[in-house]
Amino acid sequence: MIKDRCSLKEQRKFFVLIIFFMGSLLIQTPKTYAADICKEGLKDLQKSQGVIQDKGGIWGYLEKSSNLKDNSILGLQIDSKLQRLVFFFETLCEEGKIPTPRLYNLILNLMGDARVIFNIEADQRPKEKVLENLQSLNEKIEQLLAQTN
């Protein structure tokens, strides 16, 4: 019976070691995570930025509107700030620093907010509503840029 207990204890230890080993294989290492977020994450951000710029950016969107053309400088500022965020993310990767998933998601969400603006022609919405949305987007971008400095 003592022999069986030792055997049972050894079996438990072995089982725990197997579970630990299998779990460690499933968990990404920091280097793997860094490579993924820097390669795939950056590609996603650049692609999203490209979609915005291929449509002329927020600046181009405002320039096409007879009601909002005089506010197109705001669009130019937003386009520039979004590009700065992507560049910041890319710089972190180049310097061997690992961007957090939170940073990636914040930038990607801001890109998504910018892309939503293109869903409706500017002249089909009240000028005040478009400007309110753009001002809000600009403020969110400013807040994130302030955190990155």
N, C-alpha and C. Protein backbone atom coordinates (compact mmCIF):
# COMPACT_ATOMS: atom_id res chain seq x y z
N MET A 1 0.81 -1.18 0.00
CA MET A 1 0.00 0.00 0.00
C MET A 1 0.86 1.26 0.00
N ILE A 2 1.95 1.27 0.75
CA ILE A 2 2.87 2.40 0.73
C ILE A 2 3.44 2.57 -0.66
N LYS A 3 3.75 1.46 -1.29
CA LYS A 3 4.29 1.50 -2.64
C LYS A 3 3.29 2.13 -3.60
N ASP A 4 1.99 1.79 -3.43
CA ASP A 4 0.95 2.36 -4.28
C ASP A 4 0.80 3.86 -4.06
N ARG A 5 0.94 4.32 -2.81
CA ARG A 5 0.84 5.76 -2.52
C ARG A 5 1.98 6.52 -3.18
N CYS A 6 3.17 6.00 -3.10
CA CYS A 6 4.31 6.66 -3.76
C CYS A 6 4.08 6.71 -5.25
N SER A 7 3.59 5.64 -5.75
CA SER A 7 3.32 5.57 -7.17
C SER A 7 2.25 6.60 -7.55
N LEU A 8 1.25 6.73 -6.73
CA LEU A 8 0.19 7.69 -6.98
C LEU A 8 0.72 9.12 -6.90
N LYS A 9 1.59 9.41 -5.91
CA LYS A 9 2.20 10.74 -5.80
C LYS A 9 3.06 11.03 -7.02
N GLU A 10 3.81 10.06 -7.45
CA GLU A 10 4.67 10.25 -8.63
C GLU A 10 3.82 10.46 -9.88
N GLN A 11 2.72 9.73 -9.95
CA GLN A 11 1.83 9.89 -11.10
C GLN A 11 1.22 11.30 -11.11
N ARG A 12 0.85 11.79 -9.97
CA ARG A 12 0.30 13.15 -9.88
C ARG A 12 1.33 14.19 -10.31
N LYS A 13 2.57 14.03 -9.81
CA LYS A 13 3.64 14.96 -10.19
C LYS A 13 3.87 14.92 -11.70
N PHE A 14 3.89 13.72 -12.23
CA PHE A 14 4.10 13.57 -13.67
C PHE A 14 2.95 14.23 -14.44
N PHE A 15 1.73 14.01 -13.98
CA PHE A 15 0.56 14.60 -14.62
C PHE A 15 0.61 16.12 -14.58
N VAL A 16 0.98 16.67 -13.43
CA VAL A 16 1.10 18.13 -13.28
C VAL A 16 2.18 18.66 -14.22
N LEU A 17 3.29 17.97 -14.32
CA LEU A 17 4.36 18.39 -15.23
C LEU A 17 3.91 18.36 -16.68
N ILE A 18 3.16 17.35 -17.05
CA ILE A 18 2.64 17.25 -18.41
C ILE A 18 1.70 18.42 -18.70
N ILE A 19 0.80 18.70 -17.78
CA ILE A 19 -0.14 19.82 -17.96
C ILE A 19 0.63 21.14 -18.06
N PHE A 20 1.60 21.33 -17.20
CA PHE A 20 2.40 22.55 -17.24
C PHE A 20 3.12 22.68 -18.58
N PHE A 21 3.71 21.61 -19.05
CA PHE A 21 4.43 21.63 -20.31
C PHE A 21 3.50 21.93 -21.48
N MET A 22 2.34 21.28 -21.50
CA MET A 22 1.37 21.51 -22.58
C MET A 22 0.86 22.95 -22.54
N GLY A 23 0.61 23.45 -21.35
CA GLY A 23 0.15 24.83 -21.22
C GLY A 23 1.18 25.82 -21.70
N SER A 24 2.44 25.56 -21.40
CA SER A 24 3.49 26.48 -21.84
C SER A 24 3.64 26.48 -23.35
N LEU A 25 3.30 25.38 -24.00
CA LEU A 25 3.34 25.35 -25.46
C LEU A 25 2.23 26.18 -26.07
N LEU A 26 1.10 26.23 -25.38
CA LEU A 26 -0.05 26.97 -25.90
C LEU A 26 0.06 28.47 -25.67
N ILE A 27 0.83 28.87 -24.68
CA ILE A 27 0.99 30.29 -24.36
C ILE A 27 2.09 30.86 -25.25
N GLN A 28 1.80 32.00 -25.87
CA GLN A 28 2.79 32.63 -26.72
C GLN A 28 3.92 33.19 -25.88
N THR A 29 5.10 33.07 -26.39
CA THR A 29 6.24 33.70 -25.73
C THR A 29 6.24 35.17 -26.10
N PRO A 30 6.89 36.01 -25.30
CA PRO A 30 6.92 37.44 -25.65
C PRO A 30 7.51 37.70 -27.04
N LYS A 31 8.51 36.94 -27.43
CA LYS A 31 9.10 37.16 -28.76
C LYS A 31 8.09 36.83 -29.85
N THR A 32 7.34 35.75 -29.67
CA THR A 32 6.33 35.38 -30.65
C THR A 32 5.25 36.45 -30.72
N TYR A 33 4.80 36.90 -29.57
CA TYR A 33 3.78 37.95 -29.52
C TYR A 33 4.29 39.21 -30.20
N ALA A 34 5.52 39.60 -29.91
CA ALA A 34 6.09 40.81 -30.50
C ALA A 34 6.14 40.70 -32.01
N ALA A 35 6.55 39.54 -32.50
CA ALA A 35 6.61 39.35 -33.94
C ALA A 35 5.22 39.43 -34.56
N ASP A 36 4.23 38.83 -33.89
CA ASP A 36 2.87 38.85 -34.42
C ASP A 36 2.29 40.26 -34.45
N ILE A 37 2.38 40.97 -33.35
CA ILE A 37 1.75 42.29 -33.31
C ILE A 37 2.52 43.27 -34.19
N CYS A 38 3.82 43.12 -34.26
CA CYS A 38 4.59 44.04 -35.09
C CYS A 38 4.41 43.74 -36.57
N LYS A 39 4.24 42.50 -36.91
CA LYS A 39 4.06 42.16 -38.32
C LYS A 39 2.60 42.30 -38.74
N GLU A 40 1.75 41.52 -38.10
CA GLU A 40 0.33 41.50 -38.48
C GLU A 40 -0.41 42.75 -38.02
N GLY A 41 -0.14 43.19 -36.81
CA GLY A 41 -0.80 44.39 -36.29
C GLY A 41 -0.46 45.62 -37.11
N LEU A 42 0.82 45.77 -37.41
CA LEU A 42 1.24 46.92 -38.21
C LEU A 42 0.64 46.84 -39.61
N LYS A 43 0.58 45.64 -40.16
CA LYS A 43 -0.01 45.48 -41.49
C LYS A 43 -1.48 45.90 -41.48
N ASP A 44 -2.21 45.52 -40.43
CA ASP A 44 -3.62 45.91 -40.30
C ASP A 44 -3.78 47.42 -40.20
N LEU A 45 -2.93 48.04 -39.40
CA LEU A 45 -3.01 49.50 -39.24
C LEU A 45 -2.69 50.21 -40.55
N GLN A 46 -1.65 49.76 -41.23
CA GLN A 46 -1.28 50.37 -42.51
C GLN A 46 -2.36 50.16 -43.56
N LYS A 47 -2.97 49.00 -43.55
CA LYS A 47 -4.05 48.72 -44.50
C LYS A 47 -5.24 49.64 -44.24
N SER A 48 -5.60 49.79 -42.99
CA SER A 48 -6.72 50.66 -42.63
C SER A 48 -6.41 52.11 -42.99
N GLN A 49 -5.19 52.53 -42.72
CA GLN A 49 -4.77 53.89 -43.08
C GLN A 49 -4.81 54.06 -44.61
N GLY A 50 -4.41 53.02 -45.32
CA GLY A 50 -4.44 53.06 -46.78
C GLY A 50 -5.84 53.22 -47.33
N VAL A 51 -6.80 52.54 -46.72
CA VAL A 51 -8.19 52.67 -47.16
C VAL A 51 -8.66 54.11 -47.00
N ILE A 52 -8.30 54.72 -45.89
CA ILE A 52 -8.69 56.12 -45.66
C ILE A 52 -8.03 57.02 -46.70
N GLN A 53 -6.76 56.83 -46.92
CA GLN A 53 -6.03 57.71 -47.84
C GLN A 53 -6.41 57.46 -49.30
N ASP A 54 -6.76 56.23 -49.64
CA ASP A 54 -7.19 55.94 -51.01
C ASP A 54 -8.46 56.68 -51.38
N LYS A 55 -9.24 57.04 -50.37
CA LYS A 55 -10.47 57.80 -50.60
C LYS A 55 -10.22 59.30 -50.49
N GLY A 56 -8.96 59.68 -50.37
CA GLY A 56 -8.62 61.09 -50.26
C GLY A 56 -8.46 61.57 -48.83
N GLY A 57 -8.59 60.65 -47.89
CA GLY A 57 -8.47 61.03 -46.49
C GLY A 57 -9.67 61.83 -46.03
N ILE A 58 -9.65 62.20 -44.77
CA ILE A 58 -10.72 63.03 -44.23
C ILE A 58 -10.70 64.40 -44.91
N TRP A 59 -9.49 64.87 -45.20
CA TRP A 59 -9.35 66.14 -45.91
C TRP A 59 -10.09 66.09 -47.25
N GLY A 60 -9.86 65.04 -48.03
CA GLY A 60 -10.51 64.91 -49.33
C GLY A 60 -12.03 64.81 -49.20
N TYR A 61 -12.46 64.12 -48.17
CA TYR A 61 -13.89 63.98 -47.91
C TYR A 61 -14.52 65.35 -47.69
N LEU A 62 -13.86 66.18 -46.90
CA LEU A 62 -14.39 67.52 -46.62
C LEU A 62 -14.28 68.44 -47.83
N GLU A 63 -13.22 68.27 -48.59
CA GLU A 63 -13.04 69.11 -49.79
C GLU A 63 -14.13 68.87 -50.82
N LYS A 64 -14.68 67.66 -50.86
CA LYS A 64 -15.73 67.33 -51.83
C LYS A 64 -17.08 67.89 -51.44
N SER A 65 -17.21 68.36 -50.21
CA SER A 65 -18.48 68.87 -49.72
C SER A 65 -18.53 70.38 -49.84
N SER A 66 -19.60 70.87 -50.45
CA SER A 66 -19.75 72.32 -50.56
C SER A 66 -19.97 72.96 -49.19
N ASN A 67 -20.60 72.22 -48.27
CA ASN A 67 -20.88 72.74 -46.92
C ASN A 67 -19.66 72.71 -46.00
N LEU A 68 -18.74 71.78 -46.24
CA LEU A 68 -17.65 71.56 -45.28
C LEU A 68 -16.27 71.91 -45.83
N LYS A 69 -16.22 72.35 -47.05
CA LYS A 69 -14.93 72.63 -47.68
C LYS A 69 -14.09 73.62 -46.87
N ASP A 70 -14.75 74.60 -46.26
CA ASP A 70 -14.03 75.59 -45.47
C ASP A 70 -13.48 75.01 -44.16
N ASN A 71 -13.84 73.79 -43.81
CA ASN A 71 -13.34 73.11 -42.61
C ASN A 71 -12.36 71.98 -42.95
N SER A 72 -11.90 71.96 -44.18
CA SER A 72 -11.07 70.83 -44.61
C SER A 72 -9.73 70.77 -43.89
N ILE A 73 -9.28 71.88 -43.30
CA ILE A 73 -8.02 71.86 -42.54
C ILE A 73 -8.14 70.90 -41.35
N LEU A 74 -9.32 70.77 -40.77
CA LEU A 74 -9.55 69.81 -39.69
C LEU A 74 -9.31 68.39 -40.19
N GLY A 75 -9.77 68.11 -41.39
CA GLY A 75 -9.55 66.80 -41.99
C GLY A 75 -8.08 66.53 -42.21
N LEU A 76 -7.35 67.54 -42.65
CA LEU A 76 -5.91 67.41 -42.87
C LEU A 76 -5.20 67.11 -41.54
N GLN A 77 -5.63 67.78 -40.48
CA GLN A 77 -5.05 67.54 -39.16
C GLN A 77 -5.32 66.11 -38.70
N ILE A 78 -6.54 65.64 -38.89
CA ILE A 78 -6.89 64.28 -38.48
C ILE A 78 -6.08 63.26 -39.27
N ASP A 79 -6.00 63.45 -40.58
CA ASP A 79 -5.21 62.53 -41.42
C ASP A 79 -3.76 62.46 -40.94
N SER A 80 -3.21 63.61 -40.64
CA SER A 80 -1.82 63.69 -40.19
C SER A 80 -1.63 62.98 -38.84
N LYS A 81 -2.55 63.20 -37.93
CA LYS A 81 -2.44 62.60 -36.60
C LYS A 81 -2.61 61.08 -36.65
N LEU A 82 -3.50 60.61 -37.51
CA LEU A 82 -3.65 59.16 -37.66
C LEU A 82 -2.35 58.55 -38.20
N GLN A 83 -1.75 59.23 -39.14
CA GLN A 83 -0.48 58.76 -39.69
C GLN A 83 0.60 58.74 -38.61
N ARG A 84 0.59 59.75 -37.74
CA ARG A 84 1.56 59.78 -36.63
C ARG A 84 1.39 58.59 -35.70
N LEU A 85 0.15 58.20 -35.45
CA LEU A 85 -0.09 57.04 -34.60
C LEU A 85 0.46 55.76 -35.22
N VAL A 86 0.24 55.59 -36.51
CA VAL A 86 0.76 54.40 -37.21
C VAL A 86 2.29 54.43 -37.18
N PHE A 87 2.86 55.60 -37.42
CA PHE A 87 4.32 55.74 -37.40
C PHE A 87 4.88 55.44 -36.00
N PHE A 88 4.18 55.90 -34.97
CA PHE A 88 4.60 55.62 -33.59
C PHE A 88 4.61 54.12 -33.33
N PHE A 89 3.56 53.44 -33.75
CA PHE A 89 3.46 51.99 -33.58
C PHE A 89 4.62 51.30 -34.30
N GLU A 90 4.86 51.73 -35.53
CA GLU A 90 5.94 51.14 -36.33
C GLU A 90 7.30 51.39 -35.68
N THR A 91 7.50 52.57 -35.13
CA THR A 91 8.76 52.91 -34.47
C THR A 91 8.98 52.03 -33.24
N LEU A 92 7.94 51.79 -32.48
CA LEU A 92 8.08 50.89 -31.33
C LEU A 92 8.60 49.53 -31.78
N CYS A 93 8.04 49.02 -32.85
CA CYS A 93 8.45 47.71 -33.35
C CYS A 93 9.91 47.74 -33.82
N GLU A 94 10.28 48.79 -34.52
CA GLU A 94 11.64 48.89 -35.03
C GLU A 94 12.66 49.01 -33.91
N GLU A 95 12.26 49.61 -32.80
CA GLU A 95 13.16 49.77 -31.66
C GLU A 95 13.16 48.55 -30.76
N GLY A 96 12.42 47.51 -31.12
CA GLY A 96 12.38 46.30 -30.33
C GLY A 96 11.47 46.38 -29.12
N LYS A 97 10.68 47.42 -29.05
CA LYS A 97 9.71 47.55 -27.96
C LYS A 97 8.42 46.88 -28.43
N ILE A 98 7.70 46.31 -27.52
CA ILE A 98 6.49 45.57 -27.88
C ILE A 98 5.27 46.44 -27.63
N PRO A 99 4.56 46.84 -28.71
CA PRO A 99 3.32 47.58 -28.50
C PRO A 99 2.30 46.69 -27.79
N THR A 100 1.52 47.28 -26.94
CA THR A 100 0.52 46.51 -26.21
C THR A 100 -0.70 46.27 -27.09
N PRO A 101 -1.44 45.22 -26.79
CA PRO A 101 -2.69 45.01 -27.53
C PRO A 101 -3.65 46.19 -27.35
N ARG A 102 -3.61 46.81 -26.20
CA ARG A 102 -4.47 47.97 -25.94
C ARG A 102 -4.15 49.11 -26.91
N LEU A 103 -2.86 49.40 -27.09
CA LEU A 103 -2.46 50.45 -28.02
C LEU A 103 -2.90 50.11 -29.44
N TYR A 104 -2.65 48.88 -29.83
CA TYR A 104 -3.07 48.44 -31.16
C TYR A 104 -4.57 48.64 -31.35
N ASN A 105 -5.36 48.19 -30.38
CA ASN A 105 -6.83 48.31 -30.49
C ASN A 105 -7.30 49.76 -30.48
N LEU A 106 -6.66 50.59 -29.68
CA LEU A 106 -7.04 52.01 -29.66
C LEU A 106 -6.81 52.66 -31.02
N ILE A 107 -5.65 52.40 -31.61
CA ILE A 107 -5.34 52.98 -32.92
C ILE A 107 -6.29 52.42 -33.97
N LEU A 108 -6.49 51.11 -33.96
CA LEU A 108 -7.37 50.49 -34.94
C LEU A 108 -8.80 51.01 -34.82
N ASN A 109 -9.27 51.21 -33.59
CA ASN A 109 -10.62 51.75 -33.39
C ASN A 109 -10.74 53.18 -33.91
N LEU A 110 -9.70 53.98 -33.71
CA LEU A 110 -9.71 55.35 -34.24
C LEU A 110 -9.74 55.32 -35.77
N MET A 111 -9.00 54.41 -36.35
CA MET A 111 -9.03 54.25 -37.82
C MET A 111 -10.45 53.86 -38.26
N GLY A 112 -11.06 52.96 -37.50
CA GLY A 112 -12.43 52.55 -37.82
C GLY A 112 -13.40 53.71 -37.72
N ASP A 113 -13.23 54.53 -36.69
CA ASP A 113 -14.08 55.72 -36.55
C ASP A 113 -13.90 56.66 -37.75
N ALA A 114 -12.67 56.80 -38.19
CA ALA A 114 -12.41 57.66 -39.35
C ALA A 114 -13.04 57.07 -40.61
N ARG A 115 -12.96 55.77 -40.74
CA ARG A 115 -13.53 55.13 -41.94
C ARG A 115 -15.04 55.22 -41.98
N VAL A 116 -15.68 55.22 -40.82
CA VAL A 116 -17.14 55.30 -40.76
C VAL A 116 -17.62 56.63 -41.35
N ILE A 117 -16.82 57.64 -41.23
CA ILE A 117 -17.20 58.96 -41.74
C ILE A 117 -17.52 58.90 -43.23
N PHE A 118 -16.82 58.04 -43.96
CA PHE A 118 -17.03 57.95 -45.41
C PHE A 118 -18.33 57.26 -45.80
N ASN A 119 -19.03 56.66 -44.85
CA ASN A 119 -20.22 55.88 -45.18
C ASN A 119 -21.37 56.72 -45.71
N ILE A 120 -21.41 57.97 -45.34
CA ILE A 120 -22.49 58.86 -45.81
C ILE A 120 -21.84 60.10 -46.43
N GLU A 121 -22.33 60.49 -47.57
CA GLU A 121 -21.84 61.71 -48.20
C GLU A 121 -21.98 62.89 -47.24
N ALA A 122 -20.96 63.71 -47.20
CA ALA A 122 -20.95 64.83 -46.25
C ALA A 122 -22.13 65.76 -46.44
N ASP A 123 -22.53 66.01 -47.69
CA ASP A 123 -23.63 66.94 -47.95
C ASP A 123 -24.99 66.35 -47.61
N GLN A 124 -25.03 65.06 -47.29
CA GLN A 124 -26.31 64.42 -46.92
C GLN A 124 -26.56 64.47 -45.42
N ARG A 125 -25.62 65.01 -44.66
CA ARG A 125 -25.76 65.11 -43.20
C ARG A 125 -25.66 66.58 -42.81
N PRO A 126 -26.27 66.92 -41.69
CA PRO A 126 -26.13 68.31 -41.22
C PRO A 126 -24.66 68.63 -40.94
N LYS A 127 -24.25 69.79 -41.37
CA LYS A 127 -22.86 70.23 -41.21
C LYS A 127 -22.41 70.13 -39.75
N GLU A 128 -23.27 70.54 -38.84
CA GLU A 128 -22.94 70.54 -37.42
C GLU A 128 -22.64 69.12 -36.91
N LYS A 129 -23.42 68.15 -37.40
CA LYS A 129 -23.24 66.76 -36.96
C LYS A 129 -21.90 66.21 -37.47
N VAL A 130 -21.57 66.49 -38.71
CA VAL A 130 -20.29 66.04 -39.27
C VAL A 130 -19.13 66.66 -38.50
N LEU A 131 -19.22 67.96 -38.27
CA LEU A 131 -18.15 68.65 -37.54
C LEU A 131 -18.03 68.16 -36.10
N GLU A 132 -19.17 67.87 -35.48
CA GLU A 132 -19.16 67.33 -34.12
C GLU A 132 -18.44 65.98 -34.08
N ASN A 133 -18.75 65.11 -35.05
CA ASN A 133 -18.09 63.80 -35.12
C ASN A 133 -16.59 63.95 -35.37
N LEU A 134 -16.23 64.87 -36.25
CA LEU A 134 -14.81 65.09 -36.55
C LEU A 134 -14.07 65.69 -35.36
N GLN A 135 -14.70 66.61 -34.67
CA GLN A 135 -14.07 67.21 -33.49
C GLN A 135 -13.84 66.14 -32.41
N SER A 136 -14.84 65.28 -32.23
CA SER A 136 -14.73 64.20 -31.25
C SER A 136 -13.59 63.24 -31.63
N LEU A 137 -13.52 62.87 -32.89
CA LEU A 137 -12.44 62.00 -33.36
C LEU A 137 -11.09 62.66 -33.16
N ASN A 138 -11.01 63.93 -33.48
CA ASN A 138 -9.75 64.68 -33.32
C ASN A 138 -9.32 64.70 -31.85
N GLU A 139 -10.26 64.90 -30.94
CA GLU A 139 -9.95 64.92 -29.51
C GLU A 139 -9.45 63.55 -29.02
N LYS A 140 -10.10 62.48 -29.48
CA LYS A 140 -9.67 61.13 -29.09
C LYS A 140 -8.24 60.85 -29.58
N ILE A 141 -7.96 61.27 -30.80
CA ILE A 141 -6.62 61.07 -31.35
C ILE A 141 -5.60 61.87 -30.55
N GLU A 142 -5.96 63.12 -30.23
CA GLU A 142 -5.07 63.98 -29.43
C GLU A 142 -4.76 63.34 -28.08
N GLN A 143 -5.77 62.78 -27.44
CA GLN A 143 -5.58 62.14 -26.14
C GLN A 143 -4.62 60.96 -26.24
N LEU A 144 -4.77 60.16 -27.28
CA LEU A 144 -3.86 59.02 -27.44
C LEU A 144 -2.46 59.49 -27.77
N LEU A 145 -2.33 60.48 -28.62
CA LEU A 145 -1.00 61.02 -28.92
C LEU A 145 -0.33 61.58 -27.68
N ALA A 146 -1.10 62.21 -26.82
CA ALA A 146 -0.53 62.75 -25.58
C ALA A 146 0.00 61.64 -24.69
N GLN A 147 -0.64 60.49 -24.71
CA GLN A 147 -0.19 59.35 -23.91
C GLN A 147 1.07 58.71 -24.48
N THR A 148 1.29 58.87 -25.77
CA THR A 148 2.45 58.24 -26.40
C THR A 148 3.71 59.08 -26.26
N ASN A 149 3.57 60.31 -25.85
CA ASN A 149 4.76 61.19 -25.71
C ASN A 149 5.37 61.09 -24.34
